[in-house]
Amino acid sequence: MNTDNQFKQKMQLDMTFDKSMLKVLVPMIVATLILYALCLRTSECKILIYVIWYMGFIILLIKERTQVEIDPHMIIIHRPLMSPLVINKKDIKDVQIKKNRNYAYRLAIVTILLFLTIYISYKSGQDFFYGIAGVSLMEGINLFLYDFWLIFLEAVVIINLLKRLPYSNLLRVDTDKSNFIFYSKEPEELKRIIETHETA
């Protein structure tokens, strides 16, 4: 149960200068380059490279399961597989409710991606079923991972965009280091809690 002294809720979050994506992508790229240099010609190595990228995409999806915790002194942002991000109340410069002006843009992107995903799924499915005939198990797995990685990535992007579409208003919290956008069902209530804590 949320109170003015202790607030905890799952919600989507955007922030400027977010390094979490780099923390996922850089190890993926480094591991890929190492495997590429060592053993690219084998099917097992190619499969391992694809598995690394699929796991990275899954992490990008999982990290969106953000939980925001507010106590009288700070806002703590919990993201799976990431260190908690702490916003000290003393560092907050401004708290505003903003119109979700990216709604039309995100809706257009989702629509385009959905049609693109359907088309690519159809083409990739055809390529996979035509190409799998007469190949070994490892080659078949490699072919599957190759044909469907883009579809998997598009699905992750679509899911993350869809989670942000229902919100007409957003809560923006500005600090010296970054700006945070909270996708809350009750931005007015969230703003009130933050401002109450600021003066507590």
N, C-alpha and C. Protein backbone atom coordinates (compact mmCIF):
# COMPACT_ATOMS: atom_id res chain seq x y z
N MET A 1 0.84 -1.20 0.00
CA MET A 1 0.00 0.00 0.00
C MET A 1 0.88 1.25 0.00
N ASN A 2 0.57 2.22 -0.87
CA ASN A 2 1.35 3.44 -0.96
C ASN A 2 0.83 4.48 0.02
N THR A 3 1.75 5.13 0.70
CA THR A 3 1.41 6.24 1.58
C THR A 3 2.34 7.40 1.25
N ASP A 4 2.09 8.54 1.87
CA ASP A 4 2.97 9.68 1.64
C ASP A 4 4.37 9.45 2.18
N ASN A 5 4.52 8.52 3.14
CA ASN A 5 5.83 8.24 3.70
C ASN A 5 6.57 7.15 2.94
N GLN A 6 5.84 6.34 2.20
CA GLN A 6 6.48 5.25 1.46
C GLN A 6 5.67 4.95 0.21
N PHE A 7 6.25 5.24 -0.94
CA PHE A 7 5.59 5.02 -2.22
C PHE A 7 6.42 4.04 -3.02
N LYS A 8 5.76 3.04 -3.59
CA LYS A 8 6.45 2.07 -4.45
C LYS A 8 5.48 1.62 -5.52
N GLN A 9 5.89 1.77 -6.77
CA GLN A 9 4.99 1.44 -7.88
C GLN A 9 5.79 1.13 -9.13
N LYS A 10 5.27 0.18 -9.92
CA LYS A 10 5.89 -0.12 -11.21
C LYS A 10 5.39 0.89 -12.24
N MET A 11 6.31 1.42 -13.02
CA MET A 11 5.94 2.35 -14.08
C MET A 11 7.08 2.46 -15.09
N GLN A 12 6.75 2.92 -16.28
CA GLN A 12 7.77 3.13 -17.30
C GLN A 12 8.51 4.42 -17.01
N LEU A 13 9.75 4.47 -17.47
CA LEU A 13 10.60 5.62 -17.19
C LEU A 13 11.52 5.89 -18.37
N ASP A 14 11.63 7.15 -18.74
CA ASP A 14 12.64 7.59 -19.70
C ASP A 14 13.54 8.60 -19.01
N MET A 15 14.79 8.64 -19.41
CA MET A 15 15.70 9.62 -18.83
C MET A 15 16.76 10.00 -19.84
N THR A 16 17.25 11.24 -19.72
CA THR A 16 18.35 11.67 -20.57
C THR A 16 19.66 11.12 -20.00
N PHE A 17 20.60 10.92 -20.89
CA PHE A 17 21.92 10.39 -20.50
C PHE A 17 21.80 9.04 -19.80
N ASP A 18 20.89 8.21 -20.31
CA ASP A 18 20.70 6.87 -19.74
C ASP A 18 21.80 5.95 -20.27
N LYS A 19 22.63 5.47 -19.37
CA LYS A 19 23.76 4.62 -19.76
C LYS A 19 23.43 3.14 -19.72
N SER A 20 22.19 2.81 -19.34
CA SER A 20 21.85 1.39 -19.17
C SER A 20 21.93 0.63 -20.49
N MET A 21 21.54 1.28 -21.60
CA MET A 21 21.60 0.60 -22.89
C MET A 21 23.04 0.31 -23.28
N LEU A 22 23.94 1.26 -22.99
CA LEU A 22 25.35 1.04 -23.28
C LEU A 22 25.91 -0.12 -22.46
N LYS A 23 25.42 -0.25 -21.22
CA LYS A 23 25.89 -1.33 -20.36
C LYS A 23 25.48 -2.69 -20.90
N VAL A 24 24.44 -2.70 -21.73
CA VAL A 24 24.00 -3.95 -22.36
C VAL A 24 24.71 -4.14 -23.70
N LEU A 25 24.75 -3.09 -24.51
CA LEU A 25 25.26 -3.21 -25.87
C LEU A 25 26.77 -3.39 -25.94
N VAL A 26 27.51 -2.69 -25.09
CA VAL A 26 28.98 -2.78 -25.16
C VAL A 26 29.48 -4.20 -24.91
N PRO A 27 29.03 -4.89 -23.83
CA PRO A 27 29.48 -6.28 -23.65
C PRO A 27 29.05 -7.19 -24.81
N MET A 28 27.86 -6.94 -25.37
CA MET A 28 27.42 -7.73 -26.52
C MET A 28 28.37 -7.57 -27.69
N ILE A 29 28.74 -6.34 -27.97
CA ILE A 29 29.63 -6.07 -29.11
C ILE A 29 31.02 -6.65 -28.87
N VAL A 30 31.53 -6.47 -27.65
CA VAL A 30 32.86 -7.00 -27.32
C VAL A 30 32.89 -8.52 -27.45
N ALA A 31 31.87 -9.18 -26.87
CA ALA A 31 31.80 -10.64 -26.95
C ALA A 31 31.68 -11.11 -28.40
N THR A 32 30.90 -10.38 -29.19
CA THR A 32 30.74 -10.73 -30.60
C THR A 32 32.05 -10.62 -31.36
N LEU A 33 32.79 -9.55 -31.12
CA LEU A 33 34.07 -9.35 -31.81
C LEU A 33 35.08 -10.43 -31.42
N ILE A 34 35.09 -10.80 -30.14
CA ILE A 34 36.01 -11.85 -29.69
C ILE A 34 35.68 -13.18 -30.37
N LEU A 35 34.40 -13.54 -30.36
CA LEU A 35 33.99 -14.79 -31.00
C LEU A 35 34.20 -14.74 -32.51
N TYR A 36 33.96 -13.57 -33.08
CA TYR A 36 34.17 -13.40 -34.53
C TYR A 36 35.62 -13.67 -34.90
N ALA A 37 36.53 -13.19 -34.05
CA ALA A 37 37.96 -13.36 -34.33
C ALA A 37 38.42 -14.80 -34.08
N LEU A 38 37.78 -15.48 -33.13
CA LEU A 38 38.26 -16.80 -32.73
C LEU A 38 37.70 -17.94 -33.56
N CYS A 39 36.39 -17.89 -33.85
CA CYS A 39 35.81 -19.12 -34.39
C CYS A 39 34.58 -18.89 -35.27
N LEU A 40 34.60 -17.84 -36.07
CA LEU A 40 33.39 -17.50 -36.82
C LEU A 40 32.95 -18.60 -37.78
N ARG A 41 33.87 -19.39 -38.30
CA ARG A 41 33.53 -20.33 -39.36
C ARG A 41 32.70 -21.52 -38.88
N THR A 42 32.67 -21.78 -37.60
CA THR A 42 31.91 -22.93 -37.10
C THR A 42 30.46 -22.53 -36.81
N SER A 43 29.55 -23.48 -37.03
CA SER A 43 28.13 -23.22 -36.76
C SER A 43 27.89 -22.95 -35.28
N GLU A 44 28.62 -23.68 -34.41
CA GLU A 44 28.46 -23.50 -32.98
C GLU A 44 28.80 -22.07 -32.55
N CYS A 45 29.85 -21.53 -33.14
CA CYS A 45 30.27 -20.17 -32.80
C CYS A 45 29.23 -19.15 -33.28
N LYS A 46 28.72 -19.36 -34.47
CA LYS A 46 27.69 -18.45 -35.00
C LYS A 46 26.45 -18.48 -34.12
N ILE A 47 26.08 -19.68 -33.67
CA ILE A 47 24.92 -19.81 -32.78
C ILE A 47 25.16 -19.06 -31.48
N LEU A 48 26.37 -19.19 -30.94
CA LEU A 48 26.70 -18.50 -29.69
C LEU A 48 26.62 -16.99 -29.85
N ILE A 49 27.07 -16.49 -30.99
CA ILE A 49 26.98 -15.04 -31.25
C ILE A 49 25.52 -14.60 -31.28
N TYR A 50 24.69 -15.36 -31.97
CA TYR A 50 23.27 -15.00 -32.03
C TYR A 50 22.61 -15.08 -30.66
N VAL A 51 22.98 -16.09 -29.88
CA VAL A 51 22.42 -16.24 -28.54
C VAL A 51 22.77 -15.03 -27.68
N ILE A 52 24.00 -14.55 -27.81
CA ILE A 52 24.42 -13.35 -27.06
C ILE A 52 23.53 -12.17 -27.42
N TRP A 53 23.25 -11.99 -28.70
CA TRP A 53 22.42 -10.86 -29.12
C TRP A 53 20.97 -11.03 -28.69
N TYR A 54 20.46 -12.24 -28.79
CA TYR A 54 19.09 -12.49 -28.32
C TYR A 54 18.98 -12.21 -26.82
N MET A 55 19.99 -12.63 -26.06
CA MET A 55 19.98 -12.38 -24.61
C MET A 55 20.04 -10.88 -24.33
N GLY A 56 20.82 -10.16 -25.13
CA GLY A 56 20.88 -8.71 -24.97
C GLY A 56 19.53 -8.06 -25.22
N PHE A 57 18.82 -8.52 -26.25
CA PHE A 57 17.49 -7.98 -26.53
C PHE A 57 16.53 -8.28 -25.38
N ILE A 58 16.65 -9.48 -24.81
CA ILE A 58 15.79 -9.85 -23.68
C ILE A 58 16.08 -8.95 -22.48
N ILE A 59 17.36 -8.66 -22.24
CA ILE A 59 17.73 -7.77 -21.13
C ILE A 59 17.15 -6.38 -21.35
N LEU A 60 17.19 -5.89 -22.59
CA LEU A 60 16.62 -4.58 -22.89
C LEU A 60 15.12 -4.56 -22.62
N LEU A 61 14.47 -5.70 -22.80
CA LEU A 61 13.04 -5.79 -22.51
C LEU A 61 12.80 -5.87 -21.00
N ILE A 62 13.59 -6.70 -20.33
CA ILE A 62 13.40 -6.90 -18.89
C ILE A 62 13.69 -5.63 -18.11
N LYS A 63 14.68 -4.87 -18.54
CA LYS A 63 15.07 -3.68 -17.77
C LYS A 63 13.98 -2.61 -17.76
N GLU A 64 12.98 -2.76 -18.64
CA GLU A 64 11.87 -1.82 -18.66
C GLU A 64 10.88 -2.06 -17.51
N ARG A 65 11.06 -3.15 -16.80
CA ARG A 65 10.18 -3.44 -15.66
C ARG A 65 10.64 -2.62 -14.45
N THR A 66 10.48 -1.32 -14.59
CA THR A 66 11.00 -0.38 -13.60
C THR A 66 10.05 -0.25 -12.42
N GLN A 67 10.64 -0.20 -11.24
CA GLN A 67 9.86 0.08 -10.03
C GLN A 67 10.40 1.35 -9.38
N VAL A 68 9.51 2.28 -9.13
CA VAL A 68 9.89 3.56 -8.54
C VAL A 68 9.50 3.57 -7.07
N GLU A 69 10.47 3.87 -6.25
CA GLU A 69 10.26 3.94 -4.80
C GLU A 69 10.58 5.36 -4.33
N ILE A 70 9.69 5.91 -3.53
CA ILE A 70 9.88 7.27 -3.02
C ILE A 70 9.80 7.26 -1.51
N ASP A 71 10.82 7.80 -0.88
CA ASP A 71 10.78 7.98 0.57
C ASP A 71 10.95 9.47 0.86
N PRO A 72 10.97 9.88 2.10
CA PRO A 72 11.01 11.33 2.39
C PRO A 72 12.25 12.05 1.88
N HIS A 73 13.28 11.31 1.48
CA HIS A 73 14.53 11.97 1.11
C HIS A 73 14.97 11.74 -0.33
N MET A 74 14.46 10.72 -0.97
CA MET A 74 14.97 10.39 -2.30
C MET A 74 13.95 9.59 -3.12
N ILE A 75 14.22 9.57 -4.42
CA ILE A 75 13.50 8.70 -5.34
C ILE A 75 14.48 7.61 -5.77
N ILE A 76 14.09 6.37 -5.62
CA ILE A 76 14.95 5.25 -5.99
C ILE A 76 14.32 4.51 -7.15
N ILE A 77 15.05 4.40 -8.23
CA ILE A 77 14.56 3.73 -9.44
C ILE A 77 15.22 2.36 -9.52
N HIS A 78 14.40 1.33 -9.41
CA HIS A 78 14.89 -0.05 -9.46
C HIS A 78 14.62 -0.62 -10.86
N ARG A 79 15.68 -1.10 -11.50
CA ARG A 79 15.55 -1.75 -12.80
C ARG A 79 16.23 -3.11 -12.74
N PRO A 80 15.57 -4.16 -13.21
CA PRO A 80 16.17 -5.50 -13.16
C PRO A 80 17.55 -5.53 -13.82
N LEU A 81 18.47 -6.22 -13.17
CA LEU A 81 19.83 -6.43 -13.66
C LEU A 81 20.68 -5.16 -13.67
N MET A 82 20.12 -4.06 -13.16
CA MET A 82 20.85 -2.79 -13.10
C MET A 82 20.95 -2.32 -11.65
N SER A 83 21.96 -1.52 -11.38
CA SER A 83 22.07 -0.93 -10.05
C SER A 83 20.96 0.09 -9.85
N PRO A 84 20.43 0.21 -8.63
CA PRO A 84 19.39 1.22 -8.38
C PRO A 84 19.90 2.62 -8.69
N LEU A 85 19.03 3.42 -9.23
CA LEU A 85 19.36 4.81 -9.54
C LEU A 85 18.67 5.70 -8.51
N VAL A 86 19.45 6.53 -7.84
CA VAL A 86 18.93 7.33 -6.74
C VAL A 86 18.89 8.81 -7.14
N ILE A 87 17.73 9.42 -6.95
CA ILE A 87 17.57 10.86 -7.14
C ILE A 87 17.38 11.49 -5.76
N ASN A 88 18.37 12.23 -5.33
CA ASN A 88 18.26 12.93 -4.05
C ASN A 88 17.27 14.08 -4.19
N LYS A 89 16.36 14.20 -3.24
CA LYS A 89 15.35 15.26 -3.32
C LYS A 89 15.97 16.66 -3.39
N LYS A 90 17.12 16.81 -2.77
CA LYS A 90 17.78 18.12 -2.77
C LYS A 90 18.28 18.51 -4.16
N ASP A 91 18.44 17.51 -5.04
CA ASP A 91 18.96 17.77 -6.39
C ASP A 91 17.85 18.08 -7.40
N ILE A 92 16.59 17.92 -6.99
CA ILE A 92 15.47 18.16 -7.90
C ILE A 92 15.28 19.66 -8.11
N LYS A 93 15.29 20.06 -9.38
CA LYS A 93 15.13 21.47 -9.72
C LYS A 93 13.69 21.82 -10.08
N ASP A 94 12.99 20.86 -10.68
CA ASP A 94 11.63 21.17 -11.14
C ASP A 94 10.84 19.87 -11.29
N VAL A 95 9.55 19.96 -11.01
CA VAL A 95 8.63 18.84 -11.20
C VAL A 95 7.42 19.36 -11.97
N GLN A 96 7.17 18.81 -13.15
CA GLN A 96 6.09 19.31 -13.99
C GLN A 96 5.29 18.17 -14.60
N ILE A 97 4.00 18.42 -14.79
CA ILE A 97 3.16 17.50 -15.56
C ILE A 97 3.14 18.00 -17.00
N LYS A 98 3.50 17.13 -17.92
CA LYS A 98 3.61 17.50 -19.33
C LYS A 98 2.64 16.67 -20.17
N LYS A 99 2.22 17.25 -21.26
CA LYS A 99 1.42 16.52 -22.24
C LYS A 99 2.30 15.50 -22.95
N ASN A 100 1.77 14.33 -23.20
CA ASN A 100 2.53 13.31 -23.92
C ASN A 100 2.52 13.65 -25.41
N ARG A 101 3.43 14.50 -25.81
CA ARG A 101 3.47 14.98 -27.19
C ARG A 101 4.05 13.95 -28.16
N ASN A 102 4.64 12.91 -27.63
CA ASN A 102 5.21 11.87 -28.48
C ASN A 102 4.20 10.78 -28.84
N TYR A 103 2.94 10.96 -28.40
CA TYR A 103 1.95 9.90 -28.62
C TYR A 103 1.78 9.59 -30.11
N ALA A 104 1.52 10.62 -30.92
CA ALA A 104 1.28 10.40 -32.35
C ALA A 104 2.52 9.81 -33.03
N TYR A 105 3.68 10.30 -32.63
CA TYR A 105 4.94 9.81 -33.20
C TYR A 105 5.13 8.33 -32.87
N ARG A 106 4.92 7.97 -31.60
CA ARG A 106 5.11 6.58 -31.19
C ARG A 106 4.06 5.67 -31.82
N LEU A 107 2.84 6.17 -31.94
CA LEU A 107 1.78 5.38 -32.57
C LEU A 107 2.14 5.10 -34.03
N ALA A 108 2.67 6.11 -34.71
CA ALA A 108 3.07 5.92 -36.11
C ALA A 108 4.21 4.91 -36.22
N ILE A 109 5.18 5.01 -35.32
CA ILE A 109 6.31 4.08 -35.33
C ILE A 109 5.83 2.65 -35.06
N VAL A 110 4.93 2.50 -34.08
CA VAL A 110 4.41 1.17 -33.76
C VAL A 110 3.67 0.58 -34.96
N THR A 111 2.84 1.40 -35.61
CA THR A 111 2.08 0.93 -36.77
C THR A 111 3.01 0.48 -37.89
N ILE A 112 4.02 1.30 -38.18
CA ILE A 112 4.99 0.96 -39.23
C ILE A 112 5.74 -0.33 -38.87
N LEU A 113 6.18 -0.41 -37.62
CA LEU A 113 6.93 -1.59 -37.18
C LEU A 113 6.07 -2.85 -37.22
N LEU A 114 4.79 -2.72 -36.89
CA LEU A 114 3.91 -3.88 -36.93
C LEU A 114 3.78 -4.42 -38.35
N PHE A 115 3.53 -3.53 -39.31
CA PHE A 115 3.43 -3.96 -40.71
C PHE A 115 4.76 -4.52 -41.20
N LEU A 116 5.86 -3.86 -40.80
CA LEU A 116 7.18 -4.32 -41.21
C LEU A 116 7.49 -5.69 -40.61
N THR A 117 7.11 -5.88 -39.35
CA THR A 117 7.36 -7.16 -38.68
C THR A 117 6.56 -8.29 -39.33
N ILE A 118 5.31 -8.00 -39.69
CA ILE A 118 4.49 -9.02 -40.36
C ILE A 118 5.11 -9.41 -41.70
N TYR A 119 5.56 -8.41 -42.44
CA TYR A 119 6.17 -8.68 -43.75
C TYR A 119 7.47 -9.47 -43.60
N ILE A 120 8.33 -9.02 -42.68
CA ILE A 120 9.61 -9.70 -42.48
C ILE A 120 9.40 -11.11 -41.94
N SER A 121 8.39 -11.28 -41.08
CA SER A 121 8.09 -12.62 -40.54
C SER A 121 7.70 -13.57 -41.66
N TYR A 122 6.89 -13.07 -42.58
CA TYR A 122 6.46 -13.89 -43.72
C TYR A 122 7.66 -14.28 -44.59
N LYS A 123 8.50 -13.29 -44.90
CA LYS A 123 9.66 -13.56 -45.75
C LYS A 123 10.67 -14.46 -45.04
N SER A 124 10.90 -14.19 -43.75
CA SER A 124 11.87 -15.00 -43.00
C SER A 124 11.37 -16.43 -42.83
N GLY A 125 10.06 -16.57 -42.62
CA GLY A 125 9.49 -17.91 -42.51
C GLY A 125 9.68 -18.70 -43.79
N GLN A 126 9.45 -18.04 -44.92
CA GLN A 126 9.67 -18.70 -46.21
C GLN A 126 11.13 -19.11 -46.38
N ASP A 127 12.03 -18.16 -46.10
CA ASP A 127 13.46 -18.44 -46.26
C ASP A 127 13.90 -19.59 -45.35
N PHE A 128 13.36 -19.60 -44.13
CA PHE A 128 13.75 -20.64 -43.18
C PHE A 128 13.29 -22.01 -43.64
N PHE A 129 12.04 -22.12 -44.05
CA PHE A 129 11.51 -23.44 -44.43
C PHE A 129 12.10 -23.94 -45.74
N TYR A 130 12.46 -23.00 -46.62
CA TYR A 130 13.14 -23.41 -47.85
C TYR A 130 14.59 -23.80 -47.57
N GLY A 131 15.22 -23.08 -46.64
CA GLY A 131 16.65 -23.30 -46.40
C GLY A 131 16.95 -24.44 -45.46
N ILE A 132 15.97 -24.88 -44.68
CA ILE A 132 16.24 -25.89 -43.65
C ILE A 132 16.33 -27.30 -44.23
N ALA A 133 15.83 -27.48 -45.43
CA ALA A 133 15.82 -28.83 -46.03
C ALA A 133 17.25 -29.34 -46.23
N GLY A 134 17.52 -30.50 -45.66
CA GLY A 134 18.80 -31.16 -45.90
C GLY A 134 19.97 -30.63 -45.10
N VAL A 135 19.73 -29.77 -44.11
CA VAL A 135 20.85 -29.24 -43.32
C VAL A 135 20.91 -29.96 -41.97
N SER A 136 22.05 -29.84 -41.31
CA SER A 136 22.23 -30.46 -40.00
C SER A 136 21.46 -29.68 -38.94
N LEU A 137 21.38 -30.26 -37.74
CA LEU A 137 20.67 -29.61 -36.64
C LEU A 137 21.30 -28.27 -36.30
N MET A 138 22.62 -28.23 -36.19
CA MET A 138 23.31 -26.99 -35.86
C MET A 138 23.10 -25.93 -36.93
N GLU A 139 23.17 -26.35 -38.17
CA GLU A 139 22.94 -25.40 -39.27
C GLU A 139 21.50 -24.91 -39.27
N GLY A 140 20.56 -25.80 -38.90
CA GLY A 140 19.15 -25.41 -38.82
C GLY A 140 18.91 -24.38 -37.72
N ILE A 141 19.53 -24.60 -36.55
CA ILE A 141 19.41 -23.65 -35.45
C ILE A 141 20.01 -22.31 -35.84
N ASN A 142 21.18 -22.37 -36.47
CA ASN A 142 21.85 -21.15 -36.92
C ASN A 142 20.99 -20.39 -37.93
N LEU A 143 20.36 -21.12 -38.83
CA LEU A 143 19.50 -20.50 -39.83
C LEU A 143 18.29 -19.84 -39.18
N PHE A 144 17.71 -20.52 -38.20
CA PHE A 144 16.55 -19.96 -37.49
C PHE A 144 16.92 -18.67 -36.77
N LEU A 145 18.02 -18.71 -36.03
CA LEU A 145 18.45 -17.52 -35.28
C LEU A 145 18.77 -16.37 -36.23
N TYR A 146 19.35 -16.68 -37.37
CA TYR A 146 19.70 -15.65 -38.35
C TYR A 146 18.45 -15.03 -38.98
N ASP A 147 17.49 -15.87 -39.32
CA ASP A 147 16.30 -15.39 -40.03
C ASP A 147 15.36 -14.58 -39.14
N PHE A 148 15.41 -14.81 -37.82
CA PHE A 148 14.38 -14.21 -36.96
C PHE A 148 14.92 -13.20 -35.95
N TRP A 149 16.22 -12.86 -35.99
CA TRP A 149 16.75 -11.93 -34.99
C TRP A 149 16.14 -10.54 -35.13
N LEU A 150 15.94 -10.10 -36.37
CA LEU A 150 15.38 -8.76 -36.59
C LEU A 150 13.93 -8.70 -36.11
N ILE A 151 13.19 -9.77 -36.33
CA ILE A 151 11.80 -9.84 -35.86
C ILE A 151 11.76 -9.76 -34.34
N PHE A 152 12.68 -10.45 -33.69
CA PHE A 152 12.74 -10.45 -32.23
C PHE A 152 13.04 -9.04 -31.72
N LEU A 153 13.99 -8.37 -32.36
CA LEU A 153 14.34 -7.00 -31.96
C LEU A 153 13.16 -6.06 -32.16
N GLU A 154 12.48 -6.18 -33.29
CA GLU A 154 11.32 -5.32 -33.54
C GLU A 154 10.23 -5.56 -32.51
N ALA A 155 10.05 -6.81 -32.11
CA ALA A 155 9.04 -7.13 -31.09
C ALA A 155 9.37 -6.44 -29.77
N VAL A 156 10.65 -6.43 -29.40
CA VAL A 156 11.07 -5.76 -28.16
C VAL A 156 10.78 -4.27 -28.24
N VAL A 157 11.11 -3.66 -29.38
CA VAL A 157 10.87 -2.22 -29.55
C VAL A 157 9.38 -1.91 -29.51
N ILE A 158 8.58 -2.73 -30.18
CA ILE A 158 7.12 -2.51 -30.21
C ILE A 158 6.53 -2.62 -28.81
N ILE A 159 6.94 -3.63 -28.06
CA ILE A 159 6.42 -3.81 -26.70
C ILE A 159 6.76 -2.61 -25.83
N ASN A 160 8.00 -2.14 -25.92
CA ASN A 160 8.41 -1.00 -25.10
C ASN A 160 7.67 0.28 -25.50
N LEU A 161 7.40 0.45 -26.78
CA LEU A 161 6.64 1.62 -27.23
C LEU A 161 5.18 1.54 -26.80
N LEU A 162 4.60 0.35 -26.91
CA LEU A 162 3.19 0.17 -26.53
C LEU A 162 2.96 0.47 -25.05
N LYS A 163 3.94 0.16 -24.23
CA LYS A 163 3.80 0.42 -22.80
C LYS A 163 3.70 1.91 -22.49
N ARG A 164 4.17 2.75 -23.41
CA ARG A 164 4.17 4.19 -23.18
C ARG A 164 3.01 4.91 -23.87
N LEU A 165 2.27 4.21 -24.71
CA LEU A 165 1.21 4.84 -25.48
C LEU A 165 -0.01 5.29 -24.67
N PRO A 166 -0.46 4.54 -23.65
CA PRO A 166 -1.73 4.89 -23.01
C PRO A 166 -1.73 6.18 -22.21
N TYR A 167 -0.57 6.78 -21.99
CA TYR A 167 -0.48 7.90 -21.06
C TYR A 167 -0.60 9.24 -21.80
N SER A 168 -1.64 9.99 -21.48
CA SER A 168 -1.83 11.30 -22.11
C SER A 168 -0.98 12.37 -21.43
N ASN A 169 -0.72 12.19 -20.12
CA ASN A 169 0.11 13.13 -19.37
C ASN A 169 1.28 12.39 -18.73
N LEU A 170 2.39 13.09 -18.62
CA LEU A 170 3.61 12.53 -18.06
C LEU A 170 4.10 13.42 -16.93
N LEU A 171 4.90 12.84 -16.06
CA LEU A 171 5.52 13.63 -15.00
C LEU A 171 7.01 13.76 -15.30
N ARG A 172 7.46 15.00 -15.40
CA ARG A 172 8.87 15.26 -15.67
C ARG A 172 9.55 15.80 -14.42
N VAL A 173 10.66 15.17 -14.06
CA VAL A 173 11.46 15.59 -12.92
C VAL A 173 12.84 15.97 -13.43
N ASP A 174 13.22 17.22 -13.19
CA ASP A 174 14.50 17.73 -13.69
C ASP A 174 15.52 17.85 -12.56
N THR A 175 16.73 17.38 -12.84
CA THR A 175 17.86 17.59 -11.93
C THR A 175 18.99 18.21 -12.75
N ASP A 176 20.08 18.55 -12.08
CA ASP A 176 21.22 19.11 -12.80
C ASP A 176 21.85 18.10 -13.76
N LYS A 177 21.81 16.83 -13.38
CA LYS A 177 22.49 15.81 -14.17
C LYS A 177 21.62 15.18 -15.25
N SER A 178 20.31 15.14 -15.03
CA SER A 178 19.45 14.45 -15.99
C SER A 178 18.00 14.88 -15.82
N ASN A 179 17.20 14.55 -16.83
CA ASN A 179 15.75 14.76 -16.78
C ASN A 179 15.07 13.40 -16.83
N PHE A 180 14.04 13.23 -16.01
CA PHE A 180 13.35 11.95 -15.89
C PHE A 180 11.89 12.12 -16.28
N ILE A 181 11.40 11.21 -17.10
CA ILE A 181 9.99 11.18 -17.49
C ILE A 181 9.35 9.94 -16.88
N PHE A 182 8.36 10.15 -16.01
CA PHE A 182 7.66 9.05 -15.36
C PHE A 182 6.30 8.86 -16.03
N TYR A 183 6.02 7.64 -16.46
CA TYR A 183 4.74 7.31 -17.09
C TYR A 183 3.82 6.74 -16.01
N SER A 184 3.11 7.62 -15.36
CA SER A 184 2.25 7.24 -14.24
C SER A 184 0.78 7.39 -14.62
N LYS A 185 -0.05 6.48 -14.11
CA LYS A 185 -1.49 6.60 -14.33
C LYS A 185 -2.08 7.78 -13.58
N GLU A 186 -1.39 8.19 -12.53
CA GLU A 186 -1.86 9.32 -11.73
C GLU A 186 -0.70 10.31 -11.54
N PRO A 187 -0.34 11.04 -12.59
CA PRO A 187 0.81 11.95 -12.48
C PRO A 187 0.61 13.06 -11.46
N GLU A 188 -0.65 13.51 -11.29
CA GLU A 188 -0.91 14.56 -10.30
C GLU A 188 -0.60 14.05 -8.89
N GLU A 189 -1.02 12.82 -8.61
CA GLU A 189 -0.76 12.24 -7.30
C GLU A 189 0.73 12.01 -7.08
N LEU A 190 1.41 11.55 -8.12
CA LEU A 190 2.85 11.34 -8.01
C LEU A 190 3.58 12.66 -7.78
N LYS A 191 3.16 13.69 -8.48
CA LYS A 191 3.75 15.02 -8.30
C LYS A 191 3.52 15.51 -6.87
N ARG A 192 2.31 15.30 -6.37
CA ARG A 192 2.00 15.74 -5.01
C ARG A 192 2.89 15.03 -3.98
N ILE A 193 3.08 13.73 -4.19
CA ILE A 193 3.91 12.95 -3.26
C ILE A 193 5.36 13.45 -3.29
N ILE A 194 5.87 13.68 -4.48
CA ILE A 194 7.26 14.16 -4.59
C ILE A 194 7.40 15.53 -3.95
N GLU A 195 6.48 16.42 -4.21
CA GLU A 195 6.57 17.77 -3.66
C GLU A 195 6.34 17.78 -2.15
N THR A 196 5.49 16.89 -1.68
CA THR A 196 5.29 16.77 -0.23
C THR A 196 6.58 16.32 0.44
N HIS A 197 7.23 15.36 -0.19
CA HIS A 197 8.49 14.87 0.36
C HIS A 197 9.58 15.92 0.31
N GLU A 198 9.54 16.74 -0.72
CA GLU A 198 10.57 17.77 -0.84
C GLU A 198 10.52 18.75 0.32
N THR A 199 9.34 18.99 0.82
CA THR A 199 9.21 19.97 1.89
C THR A 199 9.15 19.33 3.26
N ALA A 200 9.24 17.97 3.26
CA ALA A 200 9.12 17.27 4.55
C ALA A 200 10.37 17.46 5.39
